[in-house]
Structures are given as structure tokens and as C-alpha cells.
mmCIF file of all heavy atoms, coordinates in Angstrom:
data_MODEL
# 
_entry.id   MODEL 
# 
loop_
_atom_site.group_PDB 
_atom_site.id 
_atom_site.type_symbol 
_atom_site.label_atom_id 
_atom_site.label_alt_id 
_atom_site.label_comp_id 
_atom_site.label_asym_id 
_atom_site.label_entity_id 
_atom_site.label_seq_id 
_atom_site.pdbx_PDB_ins_code 
_atom_site.Cartn_x 
_atom_site.Cartn_y 
_atom_site.Cartn_z 
_atom_site.occupancy 
_atom_site.B_iso_or_equiv 
_atom_site.pdbx_formal_charge 
_atom_site.auth_seq_id 
_atom_site.auth_comp_id 
_atom_site.auth_asym_id 
_atom_site.auth_atom_id 
_atom_site.pdbx_PDB_model_num 
ATOM 1   N N   . PHE A 1 1  ? 0.841  -1.200  0.008   1.00 0.00 ? 1  PHE A N   1 
ATOM 2   C CA  . PHE A 1 1  ? 0.011  0.015   0.001   1.00 0.00 ? 1  PHE A CA  1 
ATOM 3   C C   . PHE A 1 1  ? 0.872  1.247   -0.002  1.00 0.00 ? 1  PHE A C   1 
ATOM 4   O O   . PHE A 1 1  ? 0.840  2.053   0.915   1.00 0.00 ? 1  PHE A O   1 
ATOM 5   C CB  . PHE A 1 1  ? -0.939 0.008   1.224   1.00 0.00 ? 1  PHE A CB  1 
ATOM 6   C CG  . PHE A 1 1  ? -2.054 -0.973  1.133   1.00 0.00 ? 1  PHE A CG  1 
ATOM 7   C CD1 . PHE A 1 1  ? -1.969 -2.186  1.763   1.00 0.00 ? 1  PHE A CD1 1 
ATOM 8   C CD2 . PHE A 1 1  ? -3.214 -0.669  0.387   1.00 0.00 ? 1  PHE A CD2 1 
ATOM 9   C CE1 . PHE A 1 1  ? -3.000 -3.118  1.680   1.00 0.00 ? 1  PHE A CE1 1 
ATOM 10  C CE2 . PHE A 1 1  ? -4.246 -1.579  0.301   1.00 0.00 ? 1  PHE A CE2 1 
ATOM 11  C CZ  . PHE A 1 1  ? -4.151 -2.799  0.968   1.00 0.00 ? 1  PHE A CZ  1 
ATOM 12  N N   . CYS A 1 2  ? 1.717  1.393   -1.019  1.00 0.00 ? 2  CYS A N   1 
ATOM 13  C CA  . CYS A 1 2  ? 2.601  2.553   -1.133  1.00 0.00 ? 2  CYS A CA  1 
ATOM 14  C C   . CYS A 1 2  ? 1.765  3.812   -1.445  1.00 0.00 ? 2  CYS A C   1 
ATOM 15  O O   . CYS A 1 2  ? 0.864  3.757   -2.280  1.00 0.00 ? 2  CYS A O   1 
ATOM 16  C CB  . CYS A 1 2  ? 3.628  2.327   -2.196  1.00 0.00 ? 2  CYS A CB  1 
ATOM 17  S SG  . CYS A 1 2  ? 4.705  0.887   -1.914  1.00 0.00 ? 2  CYS A SG  1 
ATOM 18  N N   . SER A 1 3  ? 2.080  4.907   -0.803  1.00 0.00 ? 3  SER A N   1 
ATOM 19  C CA  . SER A 1 3  ? 1.315  6.131   -1.009  1.00 0.00 ? 3  SER A CA  1 
ATOM 20  C C   . SER A 1 3  ? 1.527  6.766   -2.349  1.00 0.00 ? 3  SER A C   1 
ATOM 21  O O   . SER A 1 3  ? 0.736  7.584   -2.808  1.00 0.00 ? 3  SER A O   1 
ATOM 22  C CB  . SER A 1 3  ? 1.647  7.138   0.105   1.00 0.00 ? 3  SER A CB  1 
ATOM 23  O OG  . SER A 1 3  ? 3.044  7.448   0.080   1.00 0.00 ? 3  SER A OG  1 
ATOM 24  N N   . PHE A 1 4  ? 2.650  6.420   -3.045  1.00 0.00 ? 4  PHE A N   1 
ATOM 25  C CA  . PHE A 1 4  ? 2.992  7.052   -4.296  1.00 0.00 ? 4  PHE A CA  1 
ATOM 26  C C   . PHE A 1 4  ? 2.471  6.291   -5.523  1.00 0.00 ? 4  PHE A C   1 
ATOM 27  O O   . PHE A 1 4  ? 2.680  6.690   -6.644  1.00 0.00 ? 4  PHE A O   1 
ATOM 28  C CB  . PHE A 1 4  ? 4.487  7.231   -4.442  1.00 0.00 ? 4  PHE A CB  1 
ATOM 29  C CG  . PHE A 1 4  ? 5.280  5.932   -4.334  1.00 0.00 ? 4  PHE A CG  1 
ATOM 30  C CD1 . PHE A 1 4  ? 5.420  5.109   -5.433  1.00 0.00 ? 4  PHE A CD1 1 
ATOM 31  C CD2 . PHE A 1 4  ? 5.843  5.561   -3.118  1.00 0.00 ? 4  PHE A CD2 1 
ATOM 32  C CE1 . PHE A 1 4  ? 6.104  3.906   -5.331  1.00 0.00 ? 4  PHE A CE1 1 
ATOM 33  C CE2 . PHE A 1 4  ? 6.540  4.363   -3.045  1.00 0.00 ? 4  PHE A CE2 1 
ATOM 34  C CZ  . PHE A 1 4  ? 6.669  3.551   -4.111  1.00 0.00 ? 4  PHE A CZ  1 
ATOM 35  N N   . CYS A 1 5  ? 1.760  5.184   -5.298  1.00 0.00 ? 5  CYS A N   1 
ATOM 36  C CA  . CYS A 1 5  ? 1.402  4.297   -6.417  1.00 0.00 ? 5  CYS A CA  1 
ATOM 37  C C   . CYS A 1 5  ? -0.036 3.834   -6.258  1.00 0.00 ? 5  CYS A C   1 
ATOM 38  O O   . CYS A 1 5  ? -0.432 3.341   -5.221  1.00 0.00 ? 5  CYS A O   1 
ATOM 39  C CB  . CYS A 1 5  ? 2.365  3.113   -6.489  1.00 0.00 ? 5  CYS A CB  1 
ATOM 40  S SG  . CYS A 1 5  ? 1.937  1.891   -7.745  1.00 0.00 ? 5  CYS A SG  1 
ATOM 41  N N   . LYS A 1 6  ? -0.831 3.938   -7.324  1.00 0.00 ? 6  LYS A N   1 
ATOM 42  C CA  . LYS A 1 6  ? -2.234 3.522   -7.215  1.00 0.00 ? 6  LYS A CA  1 
ATOM 43  C C   . LYS A 1 6  ? -2.400 2.057   -7.486  1.00 0.00 ? 6  LYS A C   1 
ATOM 44  O O   . LYS A 1 6  ? -3.428 1.463   -7.185  1.00 0.00 ? 6  LYS A O   1 
ATOM 45  C CB  . LYS A 1 6  ? -3.093 4.325   -8.195  1.00 0.00 ? 6  LYS A CB  1 
ATOM 46  C CG  . LYS A 1 6  ? -3.078 3.879   -9.633  1.00 0.00 ? 6  LYS A CG  1 
ATOM 47  C CD  . LYS A 1 6  ? -3.994 4.749   -10.438 1.00 0.00 ? 6  LYS A CD  1 
ATOM 48  C CE  . LYS A 1 6  ? -4.142 4.213   -11.868 1.00 0.00 ? 6  LYS A CE  1 
ATOM 49  N NZ  . LYS A 1 6  ? -4.868 2.925   -11.938 1.00 0.00 ? 6  LYS A NZ  1 
ATOM 50  N N   . GLU A 1 7  ? -1.393 1.407   -8.150  1.00 0.00 ? 7  GLU A N   1 
ATOM 51  C CA  . GLU A 1 7  ? -1.526 0.006   -8.484  1.00 0.00 ? 7  GLU A CA  1 
ATOM 52  C C   . GLU A 1 7  ? -1.779 -0.856  -7.243  1.00 0.00 ? 7  GLU A C   1 
ATOM 53  O O   . GLU A 1 7  ? -2.650 -1.730  -7.263  1.00 0.00 ? 7  GLU A O   1 
ATOM 54  C CB  . GLU A 1 7  ? -0.228 -0.474  -9.150  1.00 0.00 ? 7  GLU A CB  1 
ATOM 55  C CG  . GLU A 1 7  ? -0.237 -1.953  -9.570  1.00 0.00 ? 7  GLU A CG  1 
ATOM 56  C CD  . GLU A 1 7  ? -0.753 -2.148  -10.966 1.00 0.00 ? 7  GLU A CD  1 
ATOM 57  O OE1 . GLU A 1 7  ? -0.904 -1.141  -11.690 1.00 0.00 ? 7  GLU A OE1 1 
ATOM 58  O OE2 . GLU A 1 7  ? -1.043 -3.310  -11.325 1.00 0.00 ? 7  GLU A OE2 1 
ATOM 59  N N   . SER A 1 8  ? -1.091 -0.569  -6.178  1.00 0.00 ? 8  SER A N   1 
ATOM 60  C CA  . SER A 1 8  ? -1.201 -1.411  -4.966  1.00 0.00 ? 8  SER A CA  1 
ATOM 61  C C   . SER A 1 8  ? -2.576 -1.233  -4.326  1.00 0.00 ? 8  SER A C   1 
ATOM 62  O O   . SER A 1 8  ? -3.058 -2.140  -3.629  1.00 0.00 ? 8  SER A O   1 
ATOM 63  C CB  . SER A 1 8  ? -0.095 -1.064  -3.986  1.00 0.00 ? 8  SER A CB  1 
ATOM 64  O OG  . SER A 1 8  ? -0.160 0.323   -3.620  1.00 0.00 ? 8  SER A OG  1 
ATOM 65  N N   . TRP A 1 9  ? -3.229 -0.099  -4.538  1.00 0.00 ? 9  TRP A N   1 
ATOM 66  C CA  . TRP A 1 9  ? -4.547 0.147   -3.894  1.00 0.00 ? 9  TRP A CA  1 
ATOM 67  C C   . TRP A 1 9  ? -5.687 -0.428  -4.711  1.00 0.00 ? 9  TRP A C   1 
ATOM 68  O O   . TRP A 1 9  ? -6.683 -0.878  -4.168  1.00 0.00 ? 9  TRP A O   1 
ATOM 69  C CB  . TRP A 1 9  ? -4.732 1.683   -3.709  1.00 0.00 ? 9  TRP A CB  1 
ATOM 70  C CG  . TRP A 1 9  ? -3.721 2.253   -2.775  1.00 0.00 ? 9  TRP A CG  1 
ATOM 71  C CD1 . TRP A 1 9  ? -2.488 2.697   -3.091  1.00 0.00 ? 9  TRP A CD1 1 
ATOM 72  C CD2 . TRP A 1 9  ? -3.885 2.449   -1.373  1.00 0.00 ? 9  TRP A CD2 1 
ATOM 73  N NE1 . TRP A 1 9  ? -1.850 3.168   -1.966  1.00 0.00 ? 9  TRP A NE1 1 
ATOM 74  C CE2 . TRP A 1 9  ? -2.680 3.025   -0.895  1.00 0.00 ? 9  TRP A CE2 1 
ATOM 75  C CE3 . TRP A 1 9  ? -4.922 2.211   -0.477  1.00 0.00 ? 9  TRP A CE3 1 
ATOM 76  C CZ2 . TRP A 1 9  ? -2.493 3.360   0.442   1.00 0.00 ? 9  TRP A CZ2 1 
ATOM 77  C CZ3 . TRP A 1 9  ? -4.726 2.564   0.857   1.00 0.00 ? 9  TRP A CZ3 1 
ATOM 78  C CH2 . TRP A 1 9  ? -3.528 3.116   1.296   1.00 0.00 ? 9  TRP A CH2 1 
ATOM 79  N N   . GLU A 1 10 ? -5.517 -0.379  -6.044  1.00 0.00 ? 10 GLU A N   1 
ATOM 80  C CA  . GLU A 1 10 ? -6.610 -0.779  -6.885  1.00 0.00 ? 10 GLU A CA  1 
ATOM 81  C C   . GLU A 1 10 ? -6.491 -2.196  -7.456  1.00 0.00 ? 10 GLU A C   1 
ATOM 82  O O   . GLU A 1 10 ? -7.512 -2.810  -7.811  1.00 0.00 ? 10 GLU A O   1 
ATOM 83  C CB  . GLU A 1 10 ? -6.751 0.228   -8.054  1.00 0.00 ? 10 GLU A CB  1 
ATOM 84  C CG  . GLU A 1 10 ? -7.127 1.613   -7.564  1.00 0.00 ? 10 GLU A CG  1 
ATOM 85  C CD  . GLU A 1 10 ? -7.208 2.617   -8.692  1.00 0.00 ? 10 GLU A CD  1 
ATOM 86  O OE1 . GLU A 1 10 ? -6.721 2.313   -9.791  1.00 0.00 ? 10 GLU A OE1 1 
ATOM 87  O OE2 . GLU A 1 10 ? -7.789 3.692   -8.471  1.00 0.00 ? 10 GLU A OE2 1 
ATOM 88  N N   . GLN A 1 11 ? -5.298 -2.711  -7.554  1.00 0.00 ? 11 GLN A N   1 
ATOM 89  C CA  . GLN A 1 11 ? -5.095 -4.064  -8.131  1.00 0.00 ? 11 GLN A CA  1 
ATOM 90  C C   . GLN A 1 11 ? -5.008 -5.075  -7.011  1.00 0.00 ? 11 GLN A C   1 
ATOM 91  O O   . GLN A 1 11 ? -3.957 -5.652  -6.727  1.00 0.00 ? 11 GLN A O   1 
ATOM 92  C CB  . GLN A 1 11 ? -3.859 -4.087  -9.004  1.00 0.00 ? 11 GLN A CB  1 
ATOM 93  C CG  . GLN A 1 11 ? -3.904 -3.113  -10.160 1.00 0.00 ? 11 GLN A CG  1 
ATOM 94  C CD  . GLN A 1 11 ? -4.988 -3.446  -11.181 1.00 0.00 ? 11 GLN A CD  1 
ATOM 95  O OE1 . GLN A 1 11 ? -5.379 -4.590  -11.315 1.00 0.00 ? 11 GLN A OE1 1 
ATOM 96  N NE2 . GLN A 1 11 ? -5.471 -2.452  -11.863 1.00 0.00 ? 11 GLN A NE2 1 
ATOM 97  N N   . LYS A 1 12 ? -6.103 -5.339  -6.363  1.00 0.00 ? 12 LYS A N   1 
ATOM 98  C CA  . LYS A 1 12 ? -6.189 -6.329  -5.299  1.00 0.00 ? 12 LYS A CA  1 
ATOM 99  C C   . LYS A 1 12 ? -7.218 -7.378  -5.706  1.00 0.00 ? 12 LYS A C   1 
ATOM 100 O O   . LYS A 1 12 ? -8.162 -7.052  -6.407  1.00 0.00 ? 12 LYS A O   1 
ATOM 101 C CB  . LYS A 1 12 ? -6.612 -5.662  -3.958  1.00 0.00 ? 12 LYS A CB  1 
ATOM 102 C CG  . LYS A 1 12 ? -5.544 -4.794  -3.343  1.00 0.00 ? 12 LYS A CG  1 
ATOM 103 C CD  . LYS A 1 12 ? -4.467 -5.626  -2.674  1.00 0.00 ? 12 LYS A CD  1 
ATOM 104 C CE  . LYS A 1 12 ? -3.549 -4.794  -1.795  1.00 0.00 ? 12 LYS A CE  1 
ATOM 105 N NZ  . LYS A 1 12 ? -2.710 -3.817  -2.503  1.00 0.00 ? 12 LYS A NZ  1 
ATOM 106 N N   . PRO A 1 13 ? -7.053 -8.623  -5.304  1.00 0.00 ? 13 PRO A N   1 
ATOM 107 C CA  . PRO A 1 13 ? -5.981 -9.133  -4.475  1.00 0.00 ? 13 PRO A CA  1 
ATOM 108 C C   . PRO A 1 13 ? -4.705 -9.436  -5.279  1.00 0.00 ? 13 PRO A C   1 
ATOM 109 O O   . PRO A 1 13 ? -4.777 -9.531  -6.500  1.00 0.00 ? 13 PRO A O   1 
ATOM 110 C CB  . PRO A 1 13 ? -6.589 -10.444 -3.948  1.00 0.00 ? 13 PRO A CB  1 
ATOM 111 C CG  . PRO A 1 13 ? -7.470 -10.909 -5.058  1.00 0.00 ? 13 PRO A CG  1 
ATOM 112 C CD  . PRO A 1 13 ? -8.050 -9.664  -5.621  1.00 0.00 ? 13 PRO A CD  1 
ATOM 113 N N   . TYR A 1 14 ? -3.595 -9.547  -4.578  1.00 0.00 ? 14 TYR A N   1 
ATOM 114 C CA  . TYR A 1 14 ? -2.358 -9.965  -5.244  1.00 0.00 ? 14 TYR A CA  1 
ATOM 115 C C   . TYR A 1 14 ? -2.442 -11.410 -5.592  1.00 0.00 ? 14 TYR A C   1 
ATOM 116 O O   . TYR A 1 14 ? -2.849 -12.243 -4.782  1.00 0.00 ? 14 TYR A O   1 
ATOM 117 C CB  . TYR A 1 14 ? -1.158 -9.677  -4.319  1.00 0.00 ? 14 TYR A CB  1 
ATOM 118 C CG  . TYR A 1 14 ? 0.150  -10.218 -4.847  1.00 0.00 ? 14 TYR A CG  1 
ATOM 119 C CD1 . TYR A 1 14 ? 0.707  -9.664  -6.016  1.00 0.00 ? 14 TYR A CD1 1 
ATOM 120 C CD2 . TYR A 1 14 ? 0.830  -11.242 -4.190  1.00 0.00 ? 14 TYR A CD2 1 
ATOM 121 C CE1 . TYR A 1 14 ? 1.871  -10.135 -6.503  1.00 0.00 ? 14 TYR A CE1 1 
ATOM 122 C CE2 . TYR A 1 14 ? 2.020  -11.711 -4.709  1.00 0.00 ? 14 TYR A CE2 1 
ATOM 123 C CZ  . TYR A 1 14 ? 2.550  -11.169 -5.847  1.00 0.00 ? 14 TYR A CZ  1 
ATOM 124 O OH  . TYR A 1 14 ? 3.725  -11.639 -6.350  1.00 0.00 ? 14 TYR A OH  1 
ATOM 125 N N   . ARG A 1 15 ? -2.029 -11.772 -6.835  1.00 0.00 ? 15 ARG A N   1 
ATOM 126 C CA  . ARG A 1 15 ? -2.170 -13.133 -7.301  1.00 0.00 ? 15 ARG A CA  1 
ATOM 127 C C   . ARG A 1 15 ? -0.876 -13.596 -7.964  1.00 0.00 ? 15 ARG A C   1 
ATOM 128 O O   . ARG A 1 15 ? -0.315 -12.858 -8.798  1.00 0.00 ? 15 ARG A O   1 
ATOM 129 C CB  . ARG A 1 15 ? -3.328 -13.276 -8.285  1.00 0.00 ? 15 ARG A CB  1 
ATOM 130 C CG  . ARG A 1 15 ? -4.699 -13.077 -7.656  1.00 0.00 ? 15 ARG A CG  1 
ATOM 131 C CD  . ARG A 1 15 ? -5.673 -12.450 -8.634  1.00 0.00 ? 15 ARG A CD  1 
ATOM 132 N NE  . ARG A 1 15 ? -5.411 -11.030 -8.793  1.00 0.00 ? 15 ARG A NE  1 
ATOM 133 C CZ  . ARG A 1 15 ? -6.010 -10.290 -9.734  1.00 0.00 ? 15 ARG A CZ  1 
ATOM 134 N NH1 . ARG A 1 15 ? -6.849 -10.813 -10.569 1.00 0.00 ? 15 ARG A NH1 1 
ATOM 135 N NH2 . ARG A 1 15 ? -5.751 -9.006  -9.798  1.00 0.00 ? 15 ARG A NH2 1 
ATOM 136 N N   . GLU A 1 16 ? -0.411 -14.781 -7.644  1.00 0.00 ? 16 GLU A N   1 
ATOM 137 C CA  . GLU A 1 16 ? 0.768  -15.391 -8.264  1.00 0.00 ? 16 GLU A CA  1 
ATOM 138 C C   . GLU A 1 16 ? 0.371  -16.622 -9.042  1.00 0.00 ? 16 GLU A C   1 
ATOM 139 O O   . GLU A 1 16 ? -0.474 -17.382 -8.588  1.00 0.00 ? 16 GLU A O   1 
ATOM 140 C CB  . GLU A 1 16 ? 1.822  -15.756 -7.209  1.00 0.00 ? 16 GLU A CB  1 
ATOM 141 C CG  . GLU A 1 16 ? 2.509  -14.570 -6.573  1.00 0.00 ? 16 GLU A CG  1 
ATOM 142 C CD  . GLU A 1 16 ? 3.700  -14.992 -5.708  1.00 0.00 ? 16 GLU A CD  1 
ATOM 143 O OE1 . GLU A 1 16 ? 3.924  -16.229 -5.589  1.00 0.00 ? 16 GLU A OE1 1 
ATOM 144 O OE2 . GLU A 1 16 ? 4.416  -14.101 -5.207  1.00 0.00 ? 16 GLU A OE2 1 
ATOM 145 N N   . GLY A 1 17 ? 0.995  -16.802 -10.185 1.00 0.00 ? 17 GLY A N   1 
ATOM 146 C CA  . GLY A 1 17 ? 0.741  -17.985 -11.030 1.00 0.00 ? 17 GLY A CA  1 
ATOM 147 C C   . GLY A 1 17 ? 1.367  -19.214 -10.393 1.00 0.00 ? 17 GLY A C   1 
ATOM 148 O O   . GLY A 1 17 ? 2.455  -19.150 -9.790  1.00 0.00 ? 17 GLY A O   1 
ATOM 149 N N   . ASN A 1 18 ? 0.708  -20.376 -10.558 1.00 0.00 ? 18 ASN A N   1 
ATOM 150 C CA  . ASN A 1 18 ? 1.259  -21.640 -10.106 1.00 0.00 ? 18 ASN A CA  1 
ATOM 151 C C   . ASN A 1 18 ? 2.395  -22.063 -11.044 1.00 0.00 ? 18 ASN A C   1 
ATOM 152 O O   . ASN A 1 18 ? 2.262  -21.976 -12.285 1.00 0.00 ? 18 ASN A O   1 
ATOM 153 C CB  . ASN A 1 18 ? 0.112  -22.684 -10.125 1.00 0.00 ? 18 ASN A CB  1 
ATOM 154 C CG  . ASN A 1 18 ? 0.638  -24.070 -9.748  1.00 0.00 ? 18 ASN A CG  1 
ATOM 155 O OD1 . ASN A 1 18 ? 1.087  -24.803 -10.605 1.00 0.00 ? 18 ASN A OD1 1 
ATOM 156 N ND2 . ASN A 1 18 ? 0.528  -24.392 -8.489  1.00 0.00 ? 18 ASN A ND2 1 
ATOM 157 N N   . VAL A 1 19 ? 3.508  -22.533 -10.483 1.00 0.00 ? 19 VAL A N   1 
ATOM 158 C CA  . VAL A 1 19 ? 4.690  -22.840 -11.293 1.00 0.00 ? 19 VAL A CA  1 
ATOM 159 C C   . VAL A 1 19 ? 4.386  -23.882 -12.370 1.00 0.00 ? 19 VAL A C   1 
ATOM 160 O O   . VAL A 1 19 ? 4.748  -23.689 -13.546 1.00 0.00 ? 19 VAL A O   1 
ATOM 161 C CB  . VAL A 1 19 ? 5.843  -23.312 -10.385 1.00 0.00 ? 19 VAL A CB  1 
ATOM 162 C CG1 . VAL A 1 19 ? 7.043  -23.774 -11.252 1.00 0.00 ? 19 VAL A CG1 1 
ATOM 163 C CG2 . VAL A 1 19 ? 6.300  -22.195 -9.463  1.00 0.00 ? 19 VAL A CG2 1 
ATOM 164 N N   . SER A 1 20 ? 3.749  -24.966 -12.020 1.00 0.00 ? 20 SER A N   1 
ATOM 165 C CA  . SER A 1 20 ? 3.450  -26.005 -12.996 1.00 0.00 ? 20 SER A CA  1 
ATOM 166 C C   . SER A 1 20 ? 2.512  -25.482 -14.088 1.00 0.00 ? 20 SER A C   1 
ATOM 167 O O   . SER A 1 20 ? 2.660  -25.830 -15.261 1.00 0.00 ? 20 SER A O   1 
ATOM 168 C CB  . SER A 1 20 ? 2.836  -27.216 -12.308 1.00 0.00 ? 20 SER A CB  1 
ATOM 169 O OG  . SER A 1 20 ? 1.640  -26.868 -11.663 1.00 0.00 ? 20 SER A OG  1 
ATOM 170 N N   . ALA A 1 21 ? 1.559  -24.624 -13.725 1.00 0.00 ? 21 ALA A N   1 
ATOM 171 C CA  . ALA A 1 21 ? 0.644  -24.062 -14.718 1.00 0.00 ? 21 ALA A CA  1 
ATOM 172 C C   . ALA A 1 21 ? 1.401  -23.098 -15.637 1.00 0.00 ? 21 ALA A C   1 
ATOM 173 O O   . ALA A 1 21 ? 1.135  -23.071 -16.847 1.00 0.00 ? 21 ALA A O   1 
ATOM 174 C CB  . ALA A 1 21 ? -0.506 -23.335 -14.014 1.00 0.00 ? 21 ALA A CB  1 
ATOM 175 N N   . LEU A 1 22 ? 2.324  -22.323 -15.087 1.00 0.00 ? 22 LEU A N   1 
ATOM 176 C CA  . LEU A 1 22 ? 3.118  -21.397 -15.906 1.00 0.00 ? 22 LEU A CA  1 
ATOM 177 C C   . LEU A 1 22 ? 3.983  -22.168 -16.910 1.00 0.00 ? 22 LEU A C   1 
ATOM 178 O O   . LEU A 1 22 ? 4.103  -21.744 -18.072 1.00 0.00 ? 22 LEU A O   1 
ATOM 179 C CB  . LEU A 1 22 ? 3.979  -20.523 -15.024 1.00 0.00 ? 22 LEU A CB  1 
ATOM 180 C CG  . LEU A 1 22 ? 3.263  -19.492 -14.149 1.00 0.00 ? 22 LEU A CG  1 
ATOM 181 C CD1 . LEU A 1 22 ? 4.244  -18.796 -13.208 1.00 0.00 ? 22 LEU A CD1 1 
ATOM 182 C CD2 . LEU A 1 22 ? 2.505  -18.479 -14.979 1.00 0.00 ? 22 LEU A CD2 1 
ATOM 183 N N   . ILE A 1 23 ? 4.553  -23.275 -16.477 1.00 0.00 ? 23 ILE A N   1 
ATOM 184 C CA  . ILE A 1 23 ? 5.362  -24.069 -17.386 1.00 0.00 ? 23 ILE A CA  1 
ATOM 185 C C   . ILE A 1 23 ? 4.496  -24.658 -18.489 1.00 0.00 ? 23 ILE A C   1 
ATOM 186 O O   . ILE A 1 23 ? 4.870  -24.670 -19.675 1.00 0.00 ? 23 ILE A O   1 
ATOM 187 C CB  . ILE A 1 23 ? 6.070  -25.194 -16.602 1.00 0.00 ? 23 ILE A CB  1 
ATOM 188 C CG1 . ILE A 1 23 ? 7.080  -24.596 -15.607 1.00 0.00 ? 23 ILE A CG1 1 
ATOM 189 C CG2 . ILE A 1 23 ? 6.811  -26.139 -17.565 1.00 0.00 ? 23 ILE A CG2 1 
ATOM 190 C CD1 . ILE A 1 23 ? 7.639  -25.581 -14.611 1.00 0.00 ? 23 ILE A CD1 1 
ATOM 191 N N   . SER A 1 24 ? 3.324  -25.169 -18.107 1.00 0.00 ? 24 SER A N   1 
ATOM 192 C CA  . SER A 1 24 ? 2.364  -25.717 -19.081 1.00 0.00 ? 24 SER A CA  1 
ATOM 193 C C   . SER A 1 24 ? 1.958  -24.661 -20.098 1.00 0.00 ? 24 SER A C   1 
ATOM 194 O O   . SER A 1 24 ? 1.921  -24.924 -21.313 1.00 0.00 ? 24 SER A O   1 
ATOM 195 C CB  . SER A 1 24 ? 1.162  -26.290 -18.372 1.00 0.00 ? 24 SER A CB  1 
ATOM 196 O OG  . SER A 1 24 ? 0.190  -26.767 -19.279 1.00 0.00 ? 24 SER A OG  1 
ATOM 197 N N   . ASP A 1 25 ? 1.661  -23.453 -19.623 1.00 0.00 ? 25 ASP A N   1 
ATOM 198 C CA  . ASP A 1 25 ? 1.270  -22.346 -20.515 1.00 0.00 ? 25 ASP A CA  1 
ATOM 199 C C   . ASP A 1 25 ? 2.403  -21.973 -21.453 1.00 0.00 ? 25 ASP A C   1 
ATOM 200 O O   . ASP A 1 25 ? 2.200  -21.682 -22.663 1.00 0.00 ? 25 ASP A O   1 
ATOM 201 C CB  . ASP A 1 25 ? 0.842  -21.136 -19.701 1.00 0.00 ? 25 ASP A CB  1 
ATOM 202 C CG  . ASP A 1 25 ? -0.547 -21.293 -19.103 1.00 0.00 ? 25 ASP A CG  1 
ATOM 203 O OD1 . ASP A 1 25 ? -1.244 -22.239 -19.517 1.00 0.00 ? 25 ASP A OD1 1 
ATOM 204 O OD2 . ASP A 1 25 ? -0.867 -20.507 -18.201 1.00 0.00 ? 25 ASP A OD2 1 
ATOM 205 N N   . SER A 1 26 ? 3.629  -21.949 -20.953 1.00 0.00 ? 26 SER A N   1 
ATOM 206 C CA  . SER A 1 26 ? 4.780  -21.577 -21.764 1.00 0.00 ? 26 SER A CA  1 
ATOM 207 C C   . SER A 1 26 ? 5.004  -22.603 -22.876 1.00 0.00 ? 26 SER A C   1 
ATOM 208 O O   . SER A 1 26 ? 5.361  -22.259 -24.019 1.00 0.00 ? 26 SER A O   1 
ATOM 209 C CB  . SER A 1 26 ? 6.024  -21.421 -20.915 1.00 0.00 ? 26 SER A CB  1 
ATOM 210 O OG  . SER A 1 26 ? 6.465  -22.670 -20.409 1.00 0.00 ? 26 SER A OG  1 
# 
């Protein structure tokens, strides 16, 4: 929640890709 950046306030929730799924997609 940095005060200088709107990304952290509006782009919630934070999401990470699953490693096996990322490899499959690649």
C-alpha cells in the first residue's frame, strides 16, 4: 500500500501464478 502508487490500492488481491501451470502455458 505505497502512498505514491495507485496499483497497490486498486489491483487487489495480489495473485501469483502456479509454477506447474506457468510451465504448461509456456
